[in-house]
Amino acid sequence: MKKYDQEVRGLLVDDETRCIHYSTETDRIAIKFYCCKTYYPCHLCHEKAGCGHHAVWPVSRYNEKAILCGNCGHELTITEYLQCDYQCPSCDAGFNPGCGLHKDLYFENEASH
């Protein structure tokens, strides 16, 4: 049973936002893409089924809710997500720390500002 109210598009495999590309136990977030303001489980799902105009979130918009916990449906701001130590602040479900390796696909680099 789906635990969130937001629509998540992409190649989903379960109700915690896992997709065919990322489906480990901790792969339970969806990211609202800046370019189309639509949630997708990953950059590959957005590339396959998204708007075709990929753009990353600018640092100036990090206070906007753009991360969805697939476990409880809580929406995090980008700042909250980047500071949450890969754990939902609402339900304590773990997020995949490996996602940090490709955060530049979603978020502008803070160091450049």
C-alpha atoms as a PDB file:
ATOM      1  CA  MET A   1       0.000   0.000   0.000  1.00  0.00           C
ATOM      2  CA  LYS A   2       1.355   3.403  -1.005  1.00  0.00           C
ATOM      3  CA  LYS A   3       2.386   5.520   1.984  1.00  0.00           C
ATOM      4  CA  TYR A   4       2.669   8.928   0.307  1.00  0.00           C
ATOM      5  CA  ASP A   5       0.363  11.416  -1.372  1.00  0.00           C
ATOM      6  CA  GLN A   6       2.808  12.706  -3.987  1.00  0.00           C
ATOM      7  CA  GLU A   7       2.806  11.213  -7.475  1.00  0.00           C
ATOM      8  CA  VAL A   8       6.078   9.454  -8.238  1.00  0.00           C
ATOM      9  CA  ARG A   9       6.742   8.679 -11.896  1.00  0.00           C
ATOM     10  CA  GLY A  10       9.292   6.296 -13.311  1.00  0.00           C
ATOM     11  CA  LEU A  11       9.985   2.596 -13.436  1.00  0.00           C
ATOM     12  CA  LEU A  12       8.826   1.787  -9.900  1.00  0.00           C
ATOM     13  CA  VAL A  13       9.001  -1.709  -8.457  1.00  0.00           C
ATOM     14  CA  ASP A  14       7.373  -1.101  -5.070  1.00  0.00           C
ATOM     15  CA  ASP A  15       5.496   1.364  -2.890  1.00  0.00           C
ATOM     16  CA  GLU A  16       8.615   2.720  -1.172  1.00  0.00           C
ATOM     17  CA  THR A  17       9.789   4.415  -4.418  1.00  0.00           C
ATOM     18  CA  ARG A  18      12.337   1.755  -5.377  1.00  0.00           C
ATOM     19  CA  CYS A  19      12.826   1.432  -9.112  1.00  0.00           C
ATOM     20  CA  ILE A  20      14.346  -1.010 -11.566  1.00  0.00           C
ATOM     21  CA  HIS A  21      17.658   0.866 -11.339  1.00  0.00           C
ATOM     22  CA  TYR A  22      17.952   1.178  -7.538  1.00  0.00           C
ATOM     23  CA  SER A  23      16.158  -1.398  -5.425  1.00  0.00           C
ATOM     24  CA  THR A  24      18.149  -2.127  -2.268  1.00  0.00           C
ATOM     25  CA  GLU A  25      16.534  -1.922   1.158  1.00  0.00           C
ATOM     26  CA  THR A  26      17.690   1.687   1.625  1.00  0.00           C
ATOM     27  CA  ASP A  27      16.682   2.922  -1.848  1.00  0.00           C
ATOM     28  CA  ARG A  28      13.529   4.562  -0.556  1.00  0.00           C
ATOM     29  CA  ILE A  29      13.573   8.177  -1.664  1.00  0.00           C
ATOM     30  CA  ALA A  30      12.210   9.977  -4.675  1.00  0.00           C
ATOM     31  CA  ILE A  31      13.584  13.292  -5.865  1.00  0.00           C
ATOM     32  CA  LYS A  32      11.515  16.126  -7.282  1.00  0.00           C
ATOM     33  CA  PHE A  33      13.394  17.210 -10.375  1.00  0.00           C
ATOM     34  CA  TYR A  34      13.925  20.949 -10.641  1.00  0.00           C
ATOM     35  CA  CYS A  35      13.233  21.043 -14.378  1.00  0.00           C
ATOM     36  CA  CYS A  36       9.738  19.536 -14.259  1.00  0.00           C
ATOM     37  CA  LYS A  37       8.824  19.685 -10.527  1.00  0.00           C
ATOM     38  CA  THR A  38       7.965  15.972 -10.693  1.00  0.00           C
ATOM     39  CA  TYR A  39       9.126  13.198  -8.381  1.00  0.00           C
ATOM     40  CA  TYR A  40      11.192  10.338  -9.842  1.00  0.00           C
ATOM     41  CA  PRO A  41      13.063   7.597  -7.974  1.00  0.00           C
ATOM     42  CA  CYS A  42      16.338   8.316  -9.771  1.00  0.00           C
ATOM     43  CA  HIS A  43      18.091  10.186 -12.573  1.00  0.00           C
ATOM     44  CA  LEU A  44      17.814   7.171 -14.892  1.00  0.00           C
ATOM     45  CA  CYS A  45      14.026   7.030 -14.501  1.00  0.00           C
ATOM     46  CA  HIS A  46      13.851  10.773 -15.215  1.00  0.00           C
ATOM     47  CA  GLU A  47      16.072  10.313 -18.252  1.00  0.00           C
ATOM     48  CA  LYS A  48      13.826   7.532 -19.553  1.00  0.00           C
ATOM     49  CA  ALA A  49      10.393   8.992 -18.752  1.00  0.00           C
ATOM     50  CA  GLY A  50      10.973  12.619 -17.720  1.00  0.00           C
ATOM     51  CA  CYS A  51      10.659  16.005 -19.318  1.00  0.00           C
ATOM     52  CA  GLY A  52      13.797  15.819 -21.454  1.00  0.00           C
ATOM     53  CA  HIS A  53      15.153  19.112 -20.059  1.00  0.00           C
ATOM     54  CA  HIS A  54      17.285  18.017 -17.104  1.00  0.00           C
ATOM     55  CA  ALA A  55      18.271  20.781 -14.692  1.00  0.00           C
ATOM     56  CA  VAL A  56      19.702  20.618 -11.167  1.00  0.00           C
ATOM     57  CA  TRP A  57      18.363  22.439  -8.118  1.00  0.00           C
ATOM     58  CA  PRO A  58      20.189  25.752  -7.579  1.00  0.00           C
ATOM     59  CA  VAL A  59      21.624  26.349  -4.102  1.00  0.00           C
ATOM     60  CA  SER A  60      19.295  29.348  -3.740  1.00  0.00           C
ATOM     61  CA  ARG A  61      16.309  26.934  -3.754  1.00  0.00           C
ATOM     62  CA  TYR A  62      17.630  24.389  -1.229  1.00  0.00           C
ATOM     63  CA  ASN A  63      14.877  25.435   1.211  1.00  0.00           C
ATOM     64  CA  GLU A  64      12.207  23.832  -1.024  1.00  0.00           C
ATOM     65  CA  LYS A  65      10.790  20.385  -0.381  1.00  0.00           C
ATOM     66  CA  ALA A  66      12.213  18.076  -3.025  1.00  0.00           C
ATOM     67  CA  ILE A  67      12.917  14.724  -1.346  1.00  0.00           C
ATOM     68  CA  LEU A  68      10.207  12.193  -0.548  1.00  0.00           C
ATOM     69  CA  CYS A  69      10.703   9.409   1.981  1.00  0.00           C
ATOM     70  CA  GLY A  70       9.216   6.287   0.442  1.00  0.00           C
ATOM     71  CA  ASN A  71       8.691   4.768   3.869  1.00  0.00           C
ATOM     72  CA  CYS A  72       6.481   7.402   5.520  1.00  0.00           C
ATOM     73  CA  GLY A  73       5.793   9.992   2.805  1.00  0.00           C
ATOM     74  CA  HIS A  74       7.561  12.848   4.619  1.00  0.00           C
ATOM     75  CA  GLU A  75       8.891  15.548   2.295  1.00  0.00           C
ATOM     76  CA  LEU A  76      12.299  17.005   3.120  1.00  0.00           C
ATOM     77  CA  THR A  77      13.842  20.207   1.883  1.00  0.00           C
ATOM     78  CA  ILE A  78      17.116  19.735   0.042  1.00  0.00           C
ATOM     79  CA  THR A  79      18.982  21.230   2.990  1.00  0.00           C
ATOM     80  CA  GLU A  80      17.273  18.796   5.387  1.00  0.00           C
ATOM     81  CA  TYR A  81      18.147  15.899   3.127  1.00  0.00           C
ATOM     82  CA  LEU A  82      21.786  16.912   2.779  1.00  0.00           C
ATOM     83  CA  GLN A  83      22.058  17.201   6.581  1.00  0.00           C
ATOM     84  CA  CYS A  84      19.998  14.162   7.663  1.00  0.00           C
ATOM     85  CA  ASP A  85      22.877  11.645   7.649  1.00  0.00           C
ATOM     86  CA  TYR A  86      20.885   9.369   5.302  1.00  0.00           C
ATOM     87  CA  GLN A  87      18.008   8.846   7.705  1.00  0.00           C
ATOM     88  CA  CYS A  88      14.461  10.176   7.532  1.00  0.00           C
ATOM     89  CA  PRO A  89      13.935  12.777  10.282  1.00  0.00           C
ATOM     90  CA  SER A  90      10.279  11.752  10.506  1.00  0.00           C
ATOM     91  CA  CYS A  91      10.340   7.929  10.675  1.00  0.00           C
ATOM     92  CA  ASP A  92      14.077   7.111  11.071  1.00  0.00           C
ATOM     93  CA  ALA A  93      14.104   4.890   7.957  1.00  0.00           C
ATOM     94  CA  GLY A  94      17.556   4.660   6.437  1.00  0.00           C
ATOM     95  CA  PHE A  95      18.372   6.168   3.055  1.00  0.00           C
ATOM     96  CA  ASN A  96      21.096   4.870   0.740  1.00  0.00           C
ATOM     97  CA  PRO A  97      24.380   6.686   1.534  1.00  0.00           C
ATOM     98  CA  GLY A  98      25.589   5.800  -1.964  1.00  0.00           C
ATOM     99  CA  CYS A  99      23.213   8.417  -3.348  1.00  0.00           C
ATOM    100  CA  GLY A 100      25.645  11.052  -2.122  1.00  0.00           C
ATOM    101  CA  LEU A 101      28.105   9.896  -4.756  1.00  0.00           C
ATOM    102  CA  HIS A 102      25.933  11.329  -7.522  1.00  0.00           C
ATOM    103  CA  LYS A 103      24.186  14.262  -5.819  1.00  0.00           C
ATOM    104  CA  ASP A 104      25.627  16.532  -8.519  1.00  0.00           C
ATOM    105  CA  LEU A 105      23.052  14.984 -10.880  1.00  0.00           C
ATOM    106  CA  TYR A 106      20.309  16.575  -8.764  1.00  0.00           C
ATOM    107  CA  PHE A 107      21.764  19.508  -6.842  1.00  0.00           C
ATOM    108  CA  GLU A 108      24.059  22.409  -7.686  1.00  0.00           C
ATOM    109  CA  ASN A 109      27.388  22.208  -5.856  1.00  0.00           C
ATOM    110  CA  GLU A 110      27.296  24.368  -2.714  1.00  0.00           C
ATOM    111  CA  ALA A 111      31.062  24.927  -2.872  1.00  0.00           C
ATOM    112  CA  SER A 112      30.720  26.943  -6.078  1.00  0.00           C
ATOM    113  CA  HIS A 113      28.719  29.583  -4.201  1.00  0.00           C
END
